[in-house]
Amino acid sequence: MTRPARGKILAIKWGMNPNSSSLGIDVTFLLAGATALAIATPVIGALLRWRKPRPTPAPDAG
């Protein structure tokens, strides 16, 4: 018994398609942007904290 030939993907189109929701590409970029922001925020915070000099205690006058 032979199997019928399987189809293959010919092309992937990004953007609006009249047969599907145009929100699909927006959600993709929103997820990618949120992921990048979630990764960048702690890195930037750590860099800012690392560069900030620690305050030195004032010497006692007594």
Protein backbone atom coordinates (compact mmCIF):
# COMPACT_ATOMS: atom_id res chain seq x y z
CA MET A 1 0.00 0.00 0.00
CA THR A 2 1.52 3.31 -1.04
CA ARG A 3 0.99 6.61 0.68
CA PRO A 4 -0.22 9.62 -1.26
CA ALA A 5 2.38 12.33 -1.83
CA ARG A 6 2.56 14.86 0.99
CA GLY A 7 2.25 18.55 0.30
CA LYS A 8 5.04 21.00 0.95
CA ILE A 9 5.18 24.63 1.98
CA LEU A 10 5.84 26.77 -1.07
CA ALA A 11 6.04 30.20 0.58
CA ILE A 12 5.36 32.08 3.78
CA LYS A 13 3.83 35.52 3.48
CA TRP A 14 4.10 38.04 6.30
CA GLY A 15 1.52 40.77 6.67
CA MET A 16 -2.18 41.03 6.06
CA ASN A 17 -4.06 38.25 4.39
CA PRO A 18 -7.73 38.60 3.44
CA ASN A 19 -8.36 35.03 4.60
CA SER A 20 -6.94 35.47 8.09
CA SER A 21 -6.75 38.03 10.86
CA SER A 22 -4.34 40.91 10.38
CA LEU A 23 -3.62 40.80 14.11
CA GLY A 24 -1.48 37.68 13.72
CA ILE A 25 1.66 39.57 12.68
CA ASP A 26 1.03 42.27 15.31
CA VAL A 27 0.89 39.66 18.06
CA THR A 28 4.14 38.13 16.79
CA PHE A 29 5.97 41.45 17.03
CA LEU A 30 4.37 42.27 20.39
CA LEU A 31 5.61 38.97 21.80
CA ALA A 32 9.09 39.48 20.36
CA GLY A 33 9.22 43.05 21.71
CA ALA A 34 8.01 42.01 25.16
CA THR A 35 10.64 39.26 25.27
CA ALA A 36 13.41 41.66 24.28
CA LEU A 37 12.23 44.17 26.87
CA ALA A 38 12.07 41.51 29.58
CA ILE A 39 15.66 40.51 28.81
CA ALA A 40 17.02 44.05 28.43
CA THR A 41 15.48 45.55 31.59
CA PRO A 42 17.47 43.58 34.21
CA VAL A 43 20.65 43.90 32.14
CA ILE A 44 20.34 47.69 31.94
CA GLY A 45 19.45 47.86 35.65
CA ALA A 46 22.52 45.80 36.56
CA LEU A 47 24.77 47.99 34.41
CA LEU A 48 23.41 51.16 35.99
CA ARG A 49 23.83 49.76 39.50
CA TRP A 50 27.35 48.50 38.72
CA ARG A 51 28.53 51.90 37.45
CA LYS A 52 27.06 53.87 40.37
CA PRO A 53 29.77 54.53 43.01
CA ARG A 54 28.98 53.41 46.52
CA PRO A 55 28.63 56.18 49.06
CA THR A 56 31.51 56.33 51.53
CA PRO A 57 30.63 56.93 55.17
CA ALA A 58 31.64 60.35 56.53
CA PRO A 59 34.49 60.23 59.07
CA ASP A 60 33.44 60.79 62.68
CA ALA A 61 34.47 64.16 64.14
CA GLY A 62 34.55 62.81 67.70
